[in-house]
């Protein structure tokens, strides 16, 4: 575990997870915005159960990633006194 906890590995992995999670949330918000526009209402079909479940899973996993990143940074700061 010590080898994986070096800053050369830990920091880029956290940055990639943060960027990926925020990008995923931004895309989900944009899709919902586009779906709710008045101009697109006439051609919309209701989402299938699988699509709803997929979007919910993406939302939950992105939020969980952000919570885990925050927890890891908090513990790292508390235990090692540095980010």
Protein backbone atom coordinates (compact mmCIF):
# COMPACT_ATOMS: atom_id res chain seq x y z
CA UNK A 1 0.00 0.00 0.00
CA UNK A 2 2.89 2.38 0.62
CA UNK A 3 3.89 2.26 -3.05
CA UNK A 4 0.38 3.20 -4.17
CA UNK A 5 0.13 6.00 -1.66
CA UNK A 6 2.96 8.09 -3.09
CA UNK A 7 1.93 11.50 -4.35
CA UNK A 8 3.14 10.69 -7.87
CA UNK A 9 0.38 8.07 -8.15
CA UNK A 10 -2.23 9.32 -5.69
CA UNK A 11 -2.64 12.90 -6.93
CA UNK A 12 -3.13 12.11 -10.67
CA UNK A 13 -5.61 9.36 -9.80
CA UNK A 14 -7.61 11.75 -7.61
CA UNK A 15 -7.53 14.44 -10.28
CA UNK A 16 -8.72 12.00 -12.96
CA UNK A 17 -11.51 10.74 -10.70
CA UNK A 18 -12.56 14.30 -9.87
CA UNK A 19 -12.54 15.47 -13.50
CA UNK A 20 -14.37 12.35 -14.67
CA UNK A 21 -17.03 12.65 -11.99
CA UNK A 22 -17.62 16.36 -12.59
CA UNK A 23 -17.73 15.82 -16.36
CA UNK A 24 -20.24 13.02 -15.92
CA UNK A 25 -22.45 15.22 -13.71
CA UNK A 26 -22.23 18.09 -16.21
CA UNK A 27 -23.24 15.81 -19.08
CA UNK A 28 -26.17 14.40 -17.09
CA UNK A 29 -27.37 17.93 -16.28
CA UNK A 30 -27.03 18.97 -19.94
CA UNK A 31 -29.00 15.95 -21.14
CA UNK A 32 -31.79 16.72 -18.68
CA UNK A 33 -31.77 20.37 -19.74
CA UNK A 34 -32.03 19.44 -23.42
CA UNK A 35 -34.79 16.93 -22.69
CA UNK A 36 -36.84 19.53 -20.77
CA UNK A 37 -36.67 22.26 -23.42
CA UNK A 38 -40.07 23.20 -24.88
CA UNK A 39 -38.77 22.77 -28.43
CA UNK A 40 -37.95 19.12 -27.83
CA UNK A 41 -41.12 18.13 -26.01
CA UNK A 42 -43.04 17.11 -29.11
CA UNK A 43 -40.51 14.50 -30.21
CA UNK A 44 -39.73 13.01 -26.82
CA UNK A 45 -40.55 9.42 -26.02
CA UNK A 46 -40.74 8.42 -22.38
CA UNK A 47 -37.51 6.99 -21.02
CA UNK A 48 -37.41 3.24 -20.60
CA UNK A 49 -36.87 1.74 -17.18
CA UNK A 50 -33.34 0.76 -18.20
CA UNK A 51 -32.47 4.30 -19.26
CA UNK A 52 -33.84 5.73 -16.02
CA UNK A 53 -31.91 3.16 -14.01
CA UNK A 54 -28.73 3.88 -15.97
CA UNK A 55 -28.96 7.64 -15.40
CA UNK A 56 -29.66 7.13 -11.71
CA UNK A 57 -26.68 4.77 -11.40
CA UNK A 58 -24.42 7.31 -13.12
CA UNK A 59 -25.64 10.05 -10.79
CA UNK A 60 -25.17 7.95 -7.65
CA UNK A 61 -21.71 6.74 -8.70
CA UNK A 62 -20.55 10.27 -9.57
CA UNK A 63 -21.75 11.63 -6.24
CA UNK A 64 -20.20 8.68 -4.40
CA UNK A 65 -16.90 9.39 -6.14
CA UNK A 66 -16.99 13.02 -5.00
CA UNK A 67 -17.78 11.97 -1.41
CA UNK A 68 -14.95 9.42 -1.43
CA UNK A 69 -12.49 11.98 -2.82
CA UNK A 70 -13.50 14.46 -0.12
CA UNK A 71 -13.16 11.79 2.56
CA UNK A 72 -9.77 10.69 1.29
CA UNK A 73 -8.47 14.24 1.18
CA UNK A 74 -9.81 14.93 4.68
CA UNK A 75 -8.18 11.80 6.09
CA UNK A 76 -4.94 12.49 4.23
CA UNK A 77 -4.85 16.02 5.62
CA UNK A 78 -5.69 14.80 9.13
CA UNK A 79 -3.18 11.94 9.18
CA UNK A 80 -0.32 13.33 7.08
CA UNK A 81 -0.87 17.09 7.55
CA UNK A 82 -0.61 17.75 3.83
CA UNK A 83 -2.75 17.45 0.73
